[in-house]
Amino acid sequence: MEISQTGILEVNMQNKSESISVESDEQIEKIVKALSSRTRRLILHYIQEEPMDVSNIAASLSMTEANISAQIKKLEEAGLITCSYSSGDHGVRKISRLKFNRLTIKF
């Protein structure tokens, strides 16, 4: 994460080719709140390499699936990740993946 002297915050996330530039105060607040949680930053770190489902993320972080689901919802609402559903051994799995490689916030 880097803040330049021109009022731009850039966050680089690995393994994605898209980028987004955010200027609206409402979206900046959602993103900053989402990034303020260590757990949510760890989730972003884990899904950089490959998309993961809620149960695998929960196991990796030694947390409950309910907690991880709530954290993923906040990341999704902030527009940082995208989720899809697929069939699993015990029902439907929610798969999370990074939405962008680079996030630029202009203020």
C-alpha atoms as a PDB file:
ATOM      1  CA  MET A   1       0.000   0.000   0.000  1.00  0.00           C
ATOM      2  CA  GLU A   2       1.407   3.376  -0.933  1.00  0.00           C
ATOM      3  CA  ILE A   3       0.097   6.931  -0.591  1.00  0.00           C
ATOM      4  CA  SER A   4       1.577   9.409  -3.018  1.00  0.00           C
ATOM      5  CA  GLN A   5       1.886  13.155  -2.497  1.00  0.00           C
ATOM      6  CA  THR A   6      -0.886  13.698  -5.038  1.00  0.00           C
ATOM      7  CA  GLY A   7      -3.553  12.127  -2.814  1.00  0.00           C
ATOM      8  CA  ILE A   8      -3.602   8.685  -4.399  1.00  0.00           C
ATOM      9  CA  LEU A   9      -3.588   5.435  -2.438  1.00  0.00           C
ATOM     10  CA  GLU A  10      -2.571   2.376  -4.449  1.00  0.00           C
ATOM     11  CA  VAL A  11      -3.040  -1.213  -3.316  1.00  0.00           C
ATOM     12  CA  ASN A  12      -1.514  -3.957  -5.479  1.00  0.00           C
ATOM     13  CA  MET A  13      -2.955  -7.447  -5.284  1.00  0.00           C
ATOM     14  CA  GLN A  14      -1.236 -10.351  -7.032  1.00  0.00           C
ATOM     15  CA  ASN A  15      -2.380 -12.536  -9.929  1.00  0.00           C
ATOM     16  CA  LYS A  16      -5.168 -10.458 -11.458  1.00  0.00           C
ATOM     17  CA  SER A  17      -5.060  -8.367 -14.599  1.00  0.00           C
ATOM     18  CA  GLU A  18      -7.847  -5.863 -13.938  1.00  0.00           C
ATOM     19  CA  SER A  19      -7.551  -2.608 -12.055  1.00  0.00           C
ATOM     20  CA  ILE A  20     -10.004  -0.100 -10.628  1.00  0.00           C
ATOM     21  CA  SER A  21      -9.761   3.558  -9.706  1.00  0.00           C
ATOM     22  CA  VAL A  22     -12.111   4.743  -6.964  1.00  0.00           C
ATOM     23  CA  GLU A  23     -13.023   8.356  -6.364  1.00  0.00           C
ATOM     24  CA  SER A  24     -16.475   8.368  -4.721  1.00  0.00           C
ATOM     25  CA  ASP A  25     -16.427   9.046  -0.981  1.00  0.00           C
ATOM     26  CA  GLU A  26     -18.980   6.297  -0.320  1.00  0.00           C
ATOM     27  CA  GLN A  27     -16.948   3.618  -2.070  1.00  0.00           C
ATOM     28  CA  ILE A  28     -13.674   4.827  -0.528  1.00  0.00           C
ATOM     29  CA  GLU A  29     -15.235   4.503   2.947  1.00  0.00           C
ATOM     30  CA  LYS A  30     -16.435   0.948   2.226  1.00  0.00           C
ATOM     31  CA  ILE A  31     -13.014  -0.089   0.955  1.00  0.00           C
ATOM     32  CA  VAL A  32     -11.093   1.511   3.805  1.00  0.00           C
ATOM     33  CA  LYS A  33     -13.420  -0.104   6.363  1.00  0.00           C
ATOM     34  CA  ALA A  34     -13.002  -3.472   4.636  1.00  0.00           C
ATOM     35  CA  LEU A  35      -9.202  -3.124   4.672  1.00  0.00           C
ATOM     36  CA  SER A  36      -9.163  -2.015   8.325  1.00  0.00           C
ATOM     37  CA  SER A  37      -9.711  -5.579   9.533  1.00  0.00           C
ATOM     38  CA  ARG A  38      -6.687  -7.858   9.841  1.00  0.00           C
ATOM     39  CA  THR A  39      -8.932 -10.878   9.224  1.00  0.00           C
ATOM     40  CA  ARG A  40     -10.237  -9.412   5.971  1.00  0.00           C
ATOM     41  CA  ARG A  41      -6.686  -8.577   4.844  1.00  0.00           C
ATOM     42  CA  LEU A  42      -5.675 -12.178   5.602  1.00  0.00           C
ATOM     43  CA  ILE A  43      -8.593 -13.432   3.519  1.00  0.00           C
ATOM     44  CA  LEU A  44      -7.402 -11.269   0.613  1.00  0.00           C
ATOM     45  CA  HIS A  45      -3.933 -12.709   1.081  1.00  0.00           C
ATOM     46  CA  TYR A  46      -5.185 -16.310   1.022  1.00  0.00           C
ATOM     47  CA  ILE A  47      -7.280 -15.875  -2.121  1.00  0.00           C
ATOM     48  CA  GLN A  48      -4.481 -14.151  -4.064  1.00  0.00           C
ATOM     49  CA  GLU A  49      -3.019 -17.455  -5.226  1.00  0.00           C
ATOM     50  CA  GLU A  50      -6.290 -19.141  -6.101  1.00  0.00           C
ATOM     51  CA  PRO A  51     -10.001 -18.845  -5.305  1.00  0.00           C
ATOM     52  CA  MET A  52     -11.005 -20.541  -2.053  1.00  0.00           C
ATOM     53  CA  ASP A  53     -14.244 -21.600  -0.432  1.00  0.00           C
ATOM     54  CA  VAL A  54     -15.426 -20.433   2.977  1.00  0.00           C
ATOM     55  CA  SER A  55     -14.593 -23.699   4.761  1.00  0.00           C
ATOM     56  CA  ASN A  56     -10.997 -23.752   3.467  1.00  0.00           C
ATOM     57  CA  ILE A  57     -10.463 -20.105   4.423  1.00  0.00           C
ATOM     58  CA  ALA A  58     -11.932 -20.768   7.880  1.00  0.00           C
ATOM     59  CA  ALA A  59      -9.658 -23.772   8.370  1.00  0.00           C
ATOM     60  CA  SER A  60      -6.603 -21.801   7.221  1.00  0.00           C
ATOM     61  CA  LEU A  61      -7.347 -19.009   9.692  1.00  0.00           C
ATOM     62  CA  SER A  62      -8.614 -21.272  12.517  1.00  0.00           C
ATOM     63  CA  MET A  63     -11.918 -19.400  12.597  1.00  0.00           C
ATOM     64  CA  THR A  64     -15.557 -20.367  12.261  1.00  0.00           C
ATOM     65  CA  GLU A  65     -17.219 -20.509   8.863  1.00  0.00           C
ATOM     66  CA  ALA A  66     -19.873 -18.081  10.140  1.00  0.00           C
ATOM     67  CA  ASN A  67     -17.214 -15.481  10.972  1.00  0.00           C
ATOM     68  CA  ILE A  68     -15.462 -15.927   7.627  1.00  0.00           C
ATOM     69  CA  SER A  69     -18.786 -15.662   5.782  1.00  0.00           C
ATOM     70  CA  ALA A  70     -19.482 -12.351   7.513  1.00  0.00           C
ATOM     71  CA  GLN A  71     -16.002 -11.051   6.634  1.00  0.00           C
ATOM     72  CA  ILE A  72     -16.352 -12.175   3.009  1.00  0.00           C
ATOM     73  CA  LYS A  73     -19.688 -10.367   2.785  1.00  0.00           C
ATOM     74  CA  LYS A  74     -17.974  -7.103   3.798  1.00  0.00           C
ATOM     75  CA  LEU A  75     -15.193  -7.612   1.236  1.00  0.00           C
ATOM     76  CA  GLU A  76     -17.794  -8.356  -1.423  1.00  0.00           C
ATOM     77  CA  GLU A  77     -19.852  -5.267  -0.506  1.00  0.00           C
ATOM     78  CA  ALA A  78     -16.696  -3.162  -0.772  1.00  0.00           C
ATOM     79  CA  GLY A  79     -16.166  -4.512  -4.284  1.00  0.00           C
ATOM     80  CA  LEU A  80     -12.800  -6.109  -3.518  1.00  0.00           C
ATOM     81  CA  ILE A  81     -13.788  -9.710  -4.204  1.00  0.00           C
ATOM     82  CA  THR A  82     -16.327 -11.624  -6.205  1.00  0.00           C
ATOM     83  CA  CYS A  83     -18.037 -14.844  -5.142  1.00  0.00           C
ATOM     84  CA  SER A  84     -19.644 -17.718  -6.972  1.00  0.00           C
ATOM     85  CA  TYR A  85     -21.313 -20.921  -5.899  1.00  0.00           C
ATOM     86  CA  SER A  86     -20.510 -24.491  -6.888  1.00  0.00           C
ATOM     87  CA  SER A  87     -21.560 -27.958  -5.801  1.00  0.00           C
ATOM     88  CA  GLY A  88     -19.527 -29.512  -3.028  1.00  0.00           C
ATOM     89  CA  ASP A  89     -19.445 -32.804  -1.155  1.00  0.00           C
ATOM     90  CA  HIS A  90     -21.821 -31.489   1.520  1.00  0.00           C
ATOM     91  CA  GLY A  91     -23.932 -28.939  -0.349  1.00  0.00           C
ATOM     92  CA  VAL A  92     -23.123 -25.676  -2.058  1.00  0.00           C
ATOM     93  CA  ARG A  93     -19.717 -24.035  -1.644  1.00  0.00           C
ATOM     94  CA  LYS A  94     -19.186 -20.271  -1.801  1.00  0.00           C
ATOM     95  CA  ILE A  95     -15.969 -19.584  -3.725  1.00  0.00           C
ATOM     96  CA  SER A  96     -14.225 -16.214  -3.234  1.00  0.00           C
ATOM     97  CA  ARG A  97     -11.710 -14.651  -5.617  1.00  0.00           C
ATOM     98  CA  LEU A  98      -9.988 -11.286  -5.957  1.00  0.00           C
ATOM     99  CA  LYS A  99     -11.750  -8.894  -8.264  1.00  0.00           C
ATOM    100  CA  PHE A 100      -8.812  -6.625  -9.131  1.00  0.00           C
ATOM    101  CA  ASN A 101      -5.036  -6.591  -9.296  1.00  0.00           C
ATOM    102  CA  ARG A 102      -4.674  -2.911  -8.514  1.00  0.00           C
ATOM    103  CA  LEU A 103      -6.915  -0.584  -6.564  1.00  0.00           C
ATOM    104  CA  THR A 104      -6.293   3.137  -6.839  1.00  0.00           C
ATOM    105  CA  ILE A 105      -8.124   5.497  -4.486  1.00  0.00           C
ATOM    106  CA  LYS A 106      -8.089   9.177  -5.393  1.00  0.00           C
ATOM    107  CA  PHE A 107      -8.915  11.741  -2.748  1.00  0.00           C
END
